[in-house]
N, C-alpha and C. Protein backbone atom coordinates (compact mmCIF):
# COMPACT_ATOMS: atom_id res chain seq x y z
N MET A 1 -37.58 80.21 14.08
CA MET A 1 -38.24 80.19 12.88
C MET A 1 -40.08 79.40 12.83
N ASN A 2 -40.68 79.82 12.28
CA ASN A 2 -41.91 79.37 12.27
C ASN A 2 -41.91 78.51 10.92
N THR A 3 -42.29 77.21 11.15
CA THR A 3 -42.10 76.54 10.49
C THR A 3 -43.53 76.38 8.67
N LEU A 4 -44.20 77.42 9.34
CA LEU A 4 -45.10 77.67 8.02
C LEU A 4 -45.05 79.22 7.37
N LEU A 5 -43.81 79.62 7.74
CA LEU A 5 -43.21 81.15 7.17
C LEU A 5 -41.92 79.84 5.87
N GLU A 6 -41.66 78.89 6.45
CA GLU A 6 -40.58 78.24 5.83
C GLU A 6 -40.21 77.95 4.50
N ALA A 7 -39.89 77.89 3.78
CA ALA A 7 -39.59 77.56 2.22
C ALA A 7 -39.81 75.97 1.96
N PRO A 8 -40.40 75.56 0.98
CA PRO A 8 -41.14 73.99 1.15
C PRO A 8 -39.52 74.02 0.38
N LEU A 9 -39.15 72.59 0.77
CA LEU A 9 -37.91 71.50 0.24
C LEU A 9 -38.32 71.57 -0.89
N LYS A 10 -36.98 72.02 -1.99
CA LYS A 10 -36.46 71.41 -3.72
C LYS A 10 -36.52 69.62 -2.87
N LYS A 11 -36.91 69.34 -3.75
CA LYS A 11 -36.84 67.48 -4.49
C LYS A 11 -35.61 67.82 -5.01
N THR A 12 -34.70 66.91 -4.75
CA THR A 12 -33.05 66.78 -5.53
C THR A 12 -33.26 65.79 -6.15
N LYS A 13 -32.13 65.14 -7.12
CA LYS A 13 -32.33 64.24 -8.24
C LYS A 13 -31.85 62.85 -6.60
N LYS A 14 -31.10 63.61 -5.75
CA LYS A 14 -30.59 62.43 -4.44
C LYS A 14 -31.54 62.01 -3.72
N THR A 15 -33.09 63.11 -3.73
CA THR A 15 -33.60 62.26 -2.66
C THR A 15 -34.78 61.41 -3.27
N GLU A 16 -35.01 62.13 -5.07
CA GLU A 16 -36.03 61.43 -5.69
C GLU A 16 -35.37 59.66 -5.73
N ALA A 17 -34.40 59.70 -6.07
CA ALA A 17 -33.44 58.41 -6.15
C ALA A 17 -33.55 57.46 -4.50
N GLU A 18 -33.51 58.52 -3.52
CA GLU A 18 -34.00 57.35 -2.16
C GLU A 18 -34.97 57.34 -2.38
N SER A 19 -35.75 58.06 -2.30
CA SER A 19 -37.40 57.38 -2.72
C SER A 19 -37.98 56.47 -3.51
N MET A 20 -37.29 56.68 -4.76
CA MET A 20 -37.61 55.40 -5.51
C MET A 20 -37.17 53.95 -5.03
N ALA A 21 -35.71 53.66 -4.43
CA ALA A 21 -35.27 53.11 -3.60
C ALA A 21 -35.84 52.45 -2.86
N THR A 22 -36.17 53.07 -1.54
CA THR A 22 -37.98 52.85 -1.07
C THR A 22 -38.31 52.32 -1.47
N ARG A 23 -39.35 52.71 -2.39
CA ARG A 23 -40.63 52.23 -3.09
C ARG A 23 -39.88 50.82 -3.41
N VAL A 24 -39.26 50.80 -4.29
CA VAL A 24 -38.95 49.77 -5.22
C VAL A 24 -38.91 48.82 -3.77
N ALA A 25 -38.05 48.71 -2.99
CA ALA A 25 -37.34 47.73 -2.05
C ALA A 25 -38.72 47.35 -0.74
N LEU A 26 -39.85 48.33 -0.97
CA LEU A 26 -40.67 47.79 0.16
C LEU A 26 -41.59 47.18 -0.57
N HIS A 27 -41.84 47.29 -2.11
CA HIS A 27 -43.04 46.62 -2.59
C HIS A 27 -42.89 45.14 -2.39
N PRO A 28 -44.15 44.11 -2.47
CA PRO A 28 -44.07 43.33 -2.20
C PRO A 28 -43.73 42.23 -2.85
N PHE A 29 -44.17 42.38 -4.48
CA PHE A 29 -43.23 41.24 -5.41
C PHE A 29 -41.73 41.78 -4.92
N LEU A 30 -40.68 42.25 -4.70
CA LEU A 30 -39.46 42.21 -4.19
C LEU A 30 -39.04 42.01 -2.77
N ALA A 31 -39.95 41.41 -1.97
CA ALA A 31 -39.62 41.32 -0.64
C ALA A 31 -38.26 40.18 -0.51
N GLY A 32 -37.77 40.97 -0.09
CA GLY A 32 -36.29 39.68 0.51
C GLY A 32 -35.41 39.73 -0.50
N MET A 33 -35.01 40.07 -1.31
CA MET A 33 -34.36 40.46 -2.51
C MET A 33 -33.00 41.66 -1.42
N ASN A 34 -31.87 40.82 -2.16
CA ASN A 34 -30.70 41.50 -1.34
C ASN A 34 -30.40 42.73 -2.28
N PRO A 35 -30.01 43.52 -1.92
CA PRO A 35 -28.92 44.82 -1.72
C PRO A 35 -29.09 45.30 -3.45
N THR A 36 -28.26 44.50 -3.82
CA THR A 36 -27.33 44.87 -4.79
C THR A 36 -28.35 44.29 -5.81
N GLN A 37 -29.11 43.08 -5.33
CA GLN A 37 -30.62 43.27 -6.80
C GLN A 37 -31.56 44.75 -7.05
N LEU A 38 -31.73 44.70 -5.37
CA LEU A 38 -32.70 46.09 -5.60
C LEU A 38 -31.84 47.16 -6.28
N ALA A 39 -30.63 47.17 -6.08
CA ALA A 39 -30.12 48.85 -6.57
C ALA A 39 -30.34 48.25 -7.77
N LEU A 40 -29.47 47.34 -8.89
CA LEU A 40 -30.46 46.91 -9.80
C LEU A 40 -31.62 47.41 -10.45
N LEU A 41 -32.42 47.03 -9.85
CA LEU A 41 -34.38 47.49 -10.80
C LEU A 41 -34.12 48.79 -9.81
N THR A 42 -33.60 49.09 -9.43
CA THR A 42 -34.05 50.59 -9.24
C THR A 42 -33.47 51.56 -10.23
N ASP A 43 -32.06 51.35 -10.24
CA ASP A 43 -31.82 51.87 -11.61
C ASP A 43 -32.54 51.81 -13.09
N CYS A 44 -33.23 50.81 -13.25
CA CYS A 44 -34.43 50.58 -14.41
C CYS A 44 -35.84 50.74 -13.75
N ALA A 45 -36.29 51.90 -12.74
CA ALA A 45 -36.97 52.15 -12.21
C ALA A 45 -37.49 53.96 -12.38
N ILE A 46 -38.42 53.99 -12.77
CA ILE A 46 -39.72 55.40 -13.05
C ILE A 46 -41.36 55.25 -12.43
N PRO A 47 -41.67 56.02 -11.66
CA PRO A 47 -42.64 56.13 -11.49
C PRO A 47 -43.66 56.28 -11.94
N VAL A 48 -44.54 55.74 -12.39
CA VAL A 48 -45.86 56.37 -13.16
C VAL A 48 -47.09 56.37 -12.71
N GLN A 49 -48.37 57.11 -13.68
CA GLN A 49 -49.74 56.97 -12.71
C GLN A 49 -50.62 56.40 -14.61
N PHE A 50 -51.74 56.10 -14.22
CA PHE A 50 -52.38 55.85 -15.21
C PHE A 50 -54.10 56.14 -14.57
N ASN A 51 -54.32 56.73 -15.68
CA ASN A 51 -56.03 57.06 -16.02
C ASN A 51 -57.19 55.94 -15.80
N LYS A 52 -58.24 56.11 -15.32
CA LYS A 52 -59.06 54.98 -15.81
C LYS A 52 -59.78 54.95 -17.10
N GLY A 53 -59.10 53.85 -17.58
CA GLY A 53 -60.22 53.17 -19.16
C GLY A 53 -58.32 53.61 -19.48
N GLN A 54 -57.12 54.08 -19.01
CA GLN A 54 -56.21 54.13 -20.10
C GLN A 54 -55.64 52.32 -19.97
N THR A 55 -54.94 52.41 -21.53
CA THR A 55 -54.40 51.00 -21.90
C THR A 55 -52.79 51.23 -21.03
N ILE A 56 -52.77 50.09 -20.86
CA ILE A 56 -51.03 50.43 -19.84
C ILE A 56 -49.95 49.20 -21.22
N LEU A 57 -50.75 47.84 -21.16
CA LEU A 57 -50.24 47.21 -22.40
C LEU A 57 -51.35 46.63 -23.01
N ARG A 58 -50.83 46.29 -24.44
CA ARG A 58 -52.00 45.72 -25.35
C ARG A 58 -51.53 44.57 -26.17
N GLU A 59 -52.46 43.42 -26.04
CA GLU A 59 -52.12 41.99 -26.42
C GLU A 59 -51.45 42.45 -27.85
N GLY A 60 -49.95 41.44 -27.86
CA GLY A 60 -49.78 41.14 -29.35
C GLY A 60 -48.64 42.39 -29.84
N GLU A 61 -48.47 43.64 -28.84
CA GLU A 61 -47.22 44.32 -29.00
C GLU A 61 -45.99 43.86 -28.40
N MET A 62 -45.31 44.79 -28.74
CA MET A 62 -43.71 43.90 -28.17
C MET A 62 -43.61 44.18 -26.64
N ALA A 63 -43.28 43.41 -26.04
CA ALA A 63 -43.50 43.65 -24.47
C ALA A 63 -41.82 43.97 -23.98
N ASN A 64 -41.56 45.24 -23.55
CA ASN A 64 -40.22 45.76 -23.08
C ASN A 64 -40.36 46.33 -21.30
N ARG A 65 -41.45 45.86 -20.79
CA ARG A 65 -41.56 46.54 -19.92
C ARG A 65 -42.23 45.90 -18.42
N PHE A 66 -41.87 46.00 -17.72
CA PHE A 66 -43.77 45.43 -16.53
C PHE A 66 -43.41 46.51 -15.21
N TYR A 67 -44.20 46.28 -14.40
CA TYR A 67 -44.94 47.43 -13.58
C TYR A 67 -45.28 46.85 -12.54
N LEU A 68 -44.75 47.19 -11.20
CA LEU A 68 -45.08 46.46 -9.94
C LEU A 68 -46.48 47.68 -9.46
N ILE A 69 -47.22 47.36 -9.38
CA ILE A 69 -48.89 48.36 -9.22
C ILE A 69 -48.38 48.39 -7.34
N GLU A 70 -48.43 49.76 -7.09
CA GLU A 70 -48.58 50.18 -5.53
C GLU A 70 -49.83 50.74 -5.27
N SER A 71 -51.02 51.26 -6.25
CA SER A 71 -52.38 51.42 -5.56
C SER A 71 -53.01 51.57 -7.47
N GLY A 72 -54.35 51.12 -6.80
CA GLY A 72 -54.87 51.17 -8.14
C GLY A 72 -55.96 49.41 -8.38
N LYS A 73 -56.27 49.20 -9.51
CA LYS A 73 -56.92 48.69 -10.09
C LYS A 73 -56.49 48.20 -11.72
N VAL A 74 -56.18 47.22 -12.34
CA VAL A 74 -55.73 46.91 -13.62
C VAL A 74 -56.51 45.40 -13.87
N VAL A 75 -57.23 45.71 -15.02
CA VAL A 75 -57.90 44.70 -15.71
C VAL A 75 -57.42 43.98 -16.63
N LEU A 76 -56.78 42.76 -16.98
CA LEU A 76 -56.62 41.77 -17.51
C LEU A 76 -57.44 41.41 -18.35
N GLU A 77 -57.69 41.53 -19.90
CA GLU A 77 -58.46 41.02 -21.26
C GLU A 77 -57.75 40.57 -22.09
N SER A 78 -58.39 39.62 -22.45
CA SER A 78 -57.55 39.48 -23.81
C SER A 78 -58.72 38.93 -24.81
N GLY A 79 -58.16 38.80 -26.29
CA GLY A 79 -59.18 38.49 -27.31
C GLY A 79 -60.02 39.77 -27.89
N GLU A 80 -59.05 40.67 -27.83
CA GLU A 80 -59.44 41.64 -28.91
C GLU A 80 -60.12 41.53 -30.17
N GLY A 81 -58.93 40.78 -31.19
CA GLY A 81 -59.25 41.01 -31.91
C GLY A 81 -60.43 39.75 -32.50
N PHE A 82 -61.11 38.95 -31.50
CA PHE A 82 -62.25 37.92 -31.67
C PHE A 82 -63.52 38.61 -31.51
N GLY A 83 -63.81 39.98 -31.06
CA GLY A 83 -65.13 40.40 -30.57
C GLY A 83 -64.96 41.03 -29.85
N ALA A 84 -65.68 41.22 -28.80
CA ALA A 84 -65.54 41.63 -27.09
C ALA A 84 -63.99 41.50 -26.37
N PRO A 85 -63.51 41.59 -25.64
CA PRO A 85 -62.62 41.21 -24.99
C PRO A 85 -62.75 40.42 -23.64
N VAL A 86 -62.27 39.52 -23.24
CA VAL A 86 -62.58 39.27 -22.09
C VAL A 86 -61.73 39.45 -20.85
N VAL A 87 -62.36 39.62 -19.69
CA VAL A 87 -61.70 39.68 -18.57
C VAL A 87 -61.26 38.58 -18.03
N VAL A 88 -60.51 38.24 -17.70
CA VAL A 88 -59.36 37.27 -17.43
C VAL A 88 -58.88 37.60 -16.02
N GLU A 89 -58.75 38.60 -15.56
CA GLU A 89 -58.20 39.07 -14.12
C GLU A 89 -57.78 40.62 -13.84
N THR A 90 -58.42 40.99 -12.22
CA THR A 90 -58.19 41.94 -11.87
C THR A 90 -57.04 41.87 -10.89
N ILE A 91 -56.46 42.83 -11.21
CA ILE A 91 -55.12 43.08 -9.89
C ILE A 91 -55.02 44.58 -9.37
N GLY A 92 -54.11 44.01 -8.26
CA GLY A 92 -53.82 45.44 -7.89
C GLY A 92 -52.72 45.68 -6.47
N ALA A 93 -52.46 46.62 -5.86
CA ALA A 93 -51.52 46.81 -5.37
C ALA A 93 -50.75 45.56 -5.00
N GLY A 94 -49.36 45.42 -5.01
CA GLY A 94 -49.07 44.79 -4.73
C GLY A 94 -48.62 43.87 -5.99
N ASP A 95 -49.23 43.92 -6.66
CA ASP A 95 -49.07 42.94 -7.73
C ASP A 95 -48.12 43.10 -8.94
N LEU A 96 -47.35 42.40 -9.55
CA LEU A 96 -47.13 42.49 -10.99
C LEU A 96 -47.82 42.55 -11.99
N LEU A 97 -47.51 43.74 -13.14
CA LEU A 97 -47.98 43.51 -14.41
C LEU A 97 -46.92 43.49 -15.45
N GLY A 98 -47.04 42.41 -16.43
CA GLY A 98 -46.23 42.38 -16.77
C GLY A 98 -45.01 41.11 -17.31
N TRP A 99 -45.20 40.00 -17.70
CA TRP A 99 -44.54 39.05 -17.32
C TRP A 99 -43.67 38.87 -19.26
N SER A 100 -44.21 39.03 -19.83
CA SER A 100 -43.45 38.66 -21.26
C SER A 100 -42.37 39.36 -21.84
N TRP A 101 -42.06 40.51 -21.06
CA TRP A 101 -40.91 40.95 -21.60
C TRP A 101 -39.67 40.34 -21.20
N MET A 102 -39.67 39.54 -20.23
CA MET A 102 -38.51 38.47 -19.74
C MET A 102 -38.30 37.12 -21.29
N PHE A 103 -39.38 37.20 -21.20
CA PHE A 103 -39.48 35.52 -22.23
C PHE A 103 -39.86 35.65 -23.68
N PRO A 104 -38.78 35.79 -24.91
CA PRO A 104 -38.57 35.84 -26.27
C PRO A 104 -40.47 34.43 -26.50
N PRO A 105 -40.81 34.97 -27.26
CA PRO A 105 -40.81 36.15 -28.04
C PRO A 105 -41.04 37.72 -28.08
N TYR A 106 -41.00 37.82 -26.81
CA TYR A 106 -41.04 39.40 -25.65
C TYR A 106 -42.59 39.95 -26.60
N VAL A 107 -43.99 39.53 -26.39
CA VAL A 107 -45.03 40.01 -26.98
C VAL A 107 -46.10 39.76 -25.93
N TRP A 108 -46.98 40.74 -25.86
CA TRP A 108 -47.94 41.05 -24.51
C TRP A 108 -48.72 39.38 -25.05
N HIS A 109 -49.42 39.01 -23.78
CA HIS A 109 -50.08 38.19 -23.81
C HIS A 109 -51.71 38.49 -23.12
N PHE A 110 -51.85 39.89 -22.98
CA PHE A 110 -53.54 40.51 -22.58
C PHE A 110 -53.09 41.50 -22.70
N THR A 111 -54.19 41.85 -23.16
CA THR A 111 -54.09 43.90 -22.87
C THR A 111 -54.65 44.22 -21.43
N ALA A 112 -53.64 45.13 -20.50
CA ALA A 112 -54.07 45.76 -19.38
C ALA A 112 -54.24 47.21 -19.48
N ARG A 113 -55.59 47.05 -19.02
CA ARG A 113 -56.32 48.50 -18.56
C ARG A 113 -56.63 49.04 -17.63
N ALA A 114 -56.24 50.25 -17.08
CA ALA A 114 -56.20 50.81 -15.31
C ALA A 114 -57.99 50.73 -15.34
N ALA A 115 -58.49 50.00 -13.82
CA ALA A 115 -60.03 50.28 -13.76
C ALA A 115 -60.39 51.39 -12.64
N GLU A 116 -59.52 51.83 -12.46
CA GLU A 116 -59.30 53.28 -11.53
C GLU A 116 -57.92 53.88 -11.69
N PRO A 117 -57.73 54.96 -10.97
CA PRO A 117 -56.69 55.92 -11.30
C PRO A 117 -55.64 54.55 -10.10
N THR A 118 -54.65 54.73 -10.83
CA THR A 118 -53.87 54.26 -10.23
C THR A 118 -51.98 54.41 -10.65
N LYS A 119 -51.22 53.73 -9.45
CA LYS A 119 -49.94 54.22 -9.44
C LYS A 119 -49.16 53.16 -9.02
N ALA A 120 -47.84 52.88 -10.37
CA ALA A 120 -47.02 52.09 -10.52
C ALA A 120 -45.49 52.24 -10.35
N ILE A 121 -44.49 51.74 -10.37
CA ILE A 121 -43.10 51.42 -10.42
C ILE A 121 -43.23 51.00 -11.63
N PHE A 122 -42.51 51.56 -13.25
CA PHE A 122 -42.15 51.38 -14.38
C PHE A 122 -40.58 50.56 -14.77
N PHE A 123 -40.66 49.18 -14.67
CA PHE A 123 -39.20 48.87 -14.94
C PHE A 123 -38.83 48.97 -16.19
N TYR A 124 -37.48 49.75 -17.02
CA TYR A 124 -37.18 48.97 -18.26
C TYR A 124 -37.04 48.02 -18.65
N GLY A 125 -37.53 46.72 -19.09
CA GLY A 125 -37.54 45.38 -19.28
C GLY A 125 -35.99 45.00 -20.35
N THR A 126 -35.99 45.89 -21.31
CA THR A 126 -34.89 45.63 -22.14
C THR A 126 -33.46 45.67 -21.27
N ILE A 127 -33.44 46.50 -20.51
CA ILE A 127 -32.17 47.05 -19.82
C ILE A 127 -31.99 46.03 -18.79
N LEU A 128 -33.12 45.51 -18.25
CA LEU A 128 -33.35 44.83 -17.14
C LEU A 128 -32.62 43.13 -17.36
N ARG A 129 -33.38 42.87 -18.73
CA ARG A 129 -32.41 41.84 -19.33
C ARG A 129 -31.34 41.49 -19.51
N GLU A 130 -30.58 42.47 -19.58
CA GLU A 130 -29.01 42.66 -19.98
C GLU A 130 -28.21 42.61 -18.19
N TYR A 131 -28.89 43.24 -17.58
CA TYR A 131 -28.68 42.90 -15.89
C TYR A 131 -28.78 41.39 -15.75
N CYS A 132 -30.07 41.22 -16.15
CA CYS A 132 -29.92 39.40 -15.77
C CYS A 132 -29.00 38.51 -16.30
N GLU A 133 -28.65 39.03 -17.58
CA GLU A 133 -27.65 38.55 -18.29
C GLU A 133 -26.39 38.20 -17.35
N ARG A 134 -25.64 39.38 -17.45
CA ARG A 134 -24.76 40.01 -16.16
C ARG A 134 -25.17 39.26 -15.10
N ASN A 135 -26.43 38.99 -14.98
CA ASN A 135 -25.89 38.64 -12.61
C ASN A 135 -27.17 37.45 -12.99
N HIS A 136 -26.58 36.28 -12.64
CA HIS A 136 -27.05 35.67 -13.36
C HIS A 136 -27.95 35.33 -12.03
N SER A 137 -27.78 35.86 -10.83
CA SER A 137 -28.89 35.53 -9.52
C SER A 137 -29.83 36.34 -9.72
N LEU A 138 -29.55 37.76 -10.24
CA LEU A 138 -30.64 38.57 -10.17
C LEU A 138 -31.66 38.17 -11.43
N GLY A 139 -31.53 37.27 -12.62
CA GLY A 139 -32.34 36.88 -13.26
C GLY A 139 -33.02 35.68 -12.39
N TYR A 140 -32.72 35.11 -12.04
CA TYR A 140 -33.26 33.62 -11.35
C TYR A 140 -34.19 33.98 -10.16
N GLU A 141 -34.00 35.12 -9.70
CA GLU A 141 -34.46 35.70 -8.25
C GLU A 141 -35.94 36.27 -8.91
N LEU A 142 -35.72 37.03 -10.16
CA LEU A 142 -37.12 37.94 -11.16
C LEU A 142 -37.42 36.33 -11.14
N PHE A 143 -37.07 35.58 -12.03
CA PHE A 143 -37.77 34.19 -12.61
C PHE A 143 -38.49 33.55 -11.64
N LYS A 144 -38.00 33.14 -10.29
CA LYS A 144 -38.92 32.53 -9.31
C LYS A 144 -39.90 33.23 -9.01
N ARG A 145 -40.22 34.49 -8.99
CA ARG A 145 -41.04 35.00 -8.54
C ARG A 145 -41.95 35.47 -9.30
N MET A 146 -41.46 35.62 -10.76
CA MET A 146 -42.72 35.84 -12.11
C MET A 146 -43.48 34.33 -12.12
N THR A 147 -42.72 32.92 -12.04
CA THR A 147 -43.62 32.05 -12.27
C THR A 147 -44.70 31.74 -11.61
N PRO A 148 -44.76 31.81 -10.52
CA PRO A 148 -46.21 32.00 -9.88
C PRO A 148 -46.83 32.63 -10.36
N VAL A 149 -46.75 34.14 -10.76
CA VAL A 149 -47.82 34.79 -11.86
C VAL A 149 -47.99 34.37 -12.67
N MET A 150 -47.11 34.22 -13.58
CA MET A 150 -47.32 33.42 -14.76
C MET A 150 -48.49 32.28 -14.76
N MET A 151 -47.90 31.63 -13.87
CA MET A 151 -49.20 30.61 -13.65
C MET A 151 -50.42 30.55 -13.24
N LYS A 152 -50.66 31.53 -12.28
CA LYS A 152 -51.97 31.81 -11.65
C LYS A 152 -52.52 32.70 -12.80
N ARG A 153 -51.90 33.80 -14.11
CA ARG A 153 -52.45 34.21 -15.30
C ARG A 153 -53.04 33.46 -15.69
N LEU A 154 -52.05 32.36 -16.44
CA LEU A 154 -52.55 31.26 -17.78
C LEU A 154 -53.85 30.23 -16.92
N GLN A 155 -53.68 30.28 -15.80
CA GLN A 155 -55.05 29.48 -14.85
C GLN A 155 -55.71 30.09 -15.43
N ALA A 156 -56.37 31.26 -14.85
CA ALA A 156 -57.40 32.43 -14.49
C ALA A 156 -57.90 32.15 -16.40
N ALA A 157 -56.81 32.44 -17.12
CA ALA A 157 -57.03 32.48 -18.85
C ALA A 157 -58.01 31.23 -19.07
N ARG A 158 -57.33 30.26 -18.70
CA ARG A 158 -57.61 28.94 -18.84
C ARG A 158 -59.19 28.74 -18.55
N ARG A 159 -59.68 28.91 -17.20
CA ARG A 159 -60.86 29.01 -16.57
C ARG A 159 -61.81 29.51 -17.17
N LYS A 160 -61.42 30.89 -17.30
CA LYS A 160 -62.65 31.93 -18.21
C LYS A 160 -62.93 31.28 -19.50
N MET A 161 -61.91 30.82 -20.35
CA MET A 161 -61.80 29.60 -21.39
C MET A 161 -63.13 29.08 -21.29
N LEU A 162 -62.68 28.11 -20.40
CA LEU A 162 -63.89 27.30 -20.11
C LEU A 162 -65.08 27.31 -19.68
N TYR A 163 -65.26 28.18 -18.80
CA TYR A 163 -66.56 28.74 -18.43
C TYR A 163 -67.55 29.32 -19.71
N LEU A 164 -66.67 30.16 -20.36
CA LEU A 164 -67.39 30.83 -21.55
C LEU A 164 -67.65 29.73 -22.56
N HIS A 165 -66.51 28.53 -22.67
CA HIS A 165 -67.31 27.55 -23.63
C HIS A 165 -68.05 26.74 -23.15
N ALA A 166 -68.11 26.73 -21.65
CA ALA A 166 -69.21 25.88 -21.26
C ALA A 166 -70.76 26.45 -21.51
N HIS A 167 -70.67 27.65 -21.52
CA HIS A 167 -72.19 28.65 -21.54
C HIS A 167 -72.06 29.05 -23.17
N ARG A 168 -71.29 29.24 -23.28
CA ARG A 168 -71.62 29.53 -25.33
C ARG A 168 -72.41 28.20 -26.06
N ALA A 169 -71.84 26.72 -25.05
CA ALA A 169 -72.26 25.85 -25.77
C ALA A 169 -74.14 25.64 -25.35
N GLN A 170 -74.49 25.93 -24.31
CA GLN A 170 -75.60 26.32 -23.89
C GLN A 170 -76.77 26.93 -24.51
N LEU A 171 -75.88 28.04 -24.88
CA LEU A 171 -76.61 29.23 -25.77
C LEU A 171 -76.84 29.00 -27.02
N GLU A 172 -76.13 27.93 -27.61
CA GLU A 172 -76.08 28.33 -28.80
C GLU A 172 -77.78 27.29 -29.53
N PRO A 173 -78.39 27.77 -30.68
CA PRO A 173 -79.61 27.47 -31.30
C PRO A 173 -78.94 26.02 -31.37
N ILE A 174 -80.34 24.83 -31.02
CA ILE A 174 -80.26 24.02 -31.72
C ILE A 174 -81.24 23.92 -33.01
N VAL A 175 -80.72 23.45 -34.28
CA VAL A 175 -81.61 23.24 -35.18
C VAL A 175 -82.21 22.02 -35.57
N LEU A 176 -83.20 21.63 -34.74
CA LEU A 176 -83.68 20.59 -35.29
C LEU A 176 -84.57 20.66 -36.95
N GLY A 177 -84.35 19.57 -37.57
CA GLY A 177 -85.30 19.69 -38.31
C GLY A 177 -86.63 18.90 -38.15
N SER A 178 -87.33 20.26 -39.28
CA SER A 178 -88.75 19.77 -38.97
C SER A 178 -89.47 18.89 -40.42
N PRO A 179 -90.09 17.65 -39.46
CA PRO A 179 -91.31 17.11 -40.95
C PRO A 179 -91.83 17.90 -41.58
N PHE A 180 -92.60 19.06 -41.15
CA PHE A 180 -93.50 19.84 -41.79
C PHE A 180 -92.95 19.97 -42.87
N LEU A 181 -91.34 20.69 -42.95
CA LEU A 181 -90.79 21.49 -43.82
C LEU A 181 -90.09 20.27 -44.83
N ASP A 182 -89.11 19.48 -44.35
CA ASP A 182 -89.13 18.42 -45.02
C ASP A 182 -90.56 18.18 -46.19
N HIS A 183 -91.47 17.52 -45.72
CA HIS A 183 -92.76 17.65 -46.60
C HIS A 183 -93.12 18.85 -47.33
N GLU A 184 -92.57 20.40 -46.74
CA GLU A 184 -93.29 21.19 -47.98
C GLU A 184 -92.34 20.82 -49.02
N ASN A 185 -90.92 20.59 -48.49
CA ASN A 185 -89.98 20.58 -49.74
C ASN A 185 -90.41 19.34 -50.67
N ASP A 186 -90.74 18.38 -50.16
CA ASP A 186 -91.33 17.07 -51.09
C ASP A 186 -92.22 17.61 -52.27
N ILE A 187 -93.14 18.72 -51.14
CA ILE A 187 -94.53 19.11 -52.21
C ILE A 187 -93.89 19.94 -53.08
N MET A 188 -92.81 20.62 -53.38
CA MET A 188 -92.72 22.00 -53.96
C MET A 188 -91.90 21.45 -54.99
N GLU A 189 -91.47 20.70 -55.65
CA GLU A 189 -90.25 20.24 -56.00
C GLU A 189 -91.30 19.39 -57.36
N VAL A 190 -90.65 19.62 -58.41
CA VAL A 190 -91.33 19.47 -59.70
C VAL A 190 -90.78 18.07 -60.56
N PRO A 191 -92.02 16.95 -60.36
CA PRO A 191 -91.57 15.71 -60.79
C PRO A 191 -91.15 16.52 -62.65
N LYS A 192 -90.10 15.45 -62.80
CA LYS A 192 -89.27 15.46 -64.40
C LYS A 192 -90.10 14.52 -65.14
C-alpha cells in the first residue's frame, strides 16, 4: 500500500497519555525521578502553549499550578504595583516556572510573561500537593529540586534590587542650599 494514500493515524487518549508520560520523564527538571513519581506527575500534567506577551502568572494572585518549560522564553518580573515592573530573570527550555504552589500562603511572588511563543507542561499544583501529602518521597523529591530554583530566583531579585537601589541613589537630585536664596528670603521678610 502506498503510504502517501494511507489515512492519517488518529490520536487516541492512550497515545496522548503515553506522549505526556514521555514528555514528563524527559524534562531535565525531573531527570532521575522514579517511575511511580513520574506517573503521579503525569496524572496532573497537561500540555500548554503561550503567545508572546501573554501573562502566565500574576504576582499576588493564588498559586495553584506550575509549569515545566519545553521551548520558548519567559520573563519573570516584580513590582507591578510600584510603577514599571522590574525584570528579575528570563527563563527558558528545561526550567521550572512556579514554586509558590507548594508553600503557604500559596501566592505568586513574581509575574511571568511569555517573551516569545512558549510550550510548557502544566501541572495542577493543588492535586499534586495532595499526592505529596500521601507520598512523602514525591514531596521530598520535588522540594529538593525546587529549592535551588527558589534560591536562584530570590538571589536574582536581590541582585536586581541592590542594582536599582545603587543606581537610583546616583540619579537622585542633590538639593543644595543657596546662599543667594537664603539671602533673598531674609530680604523679603517684613520686620515687625
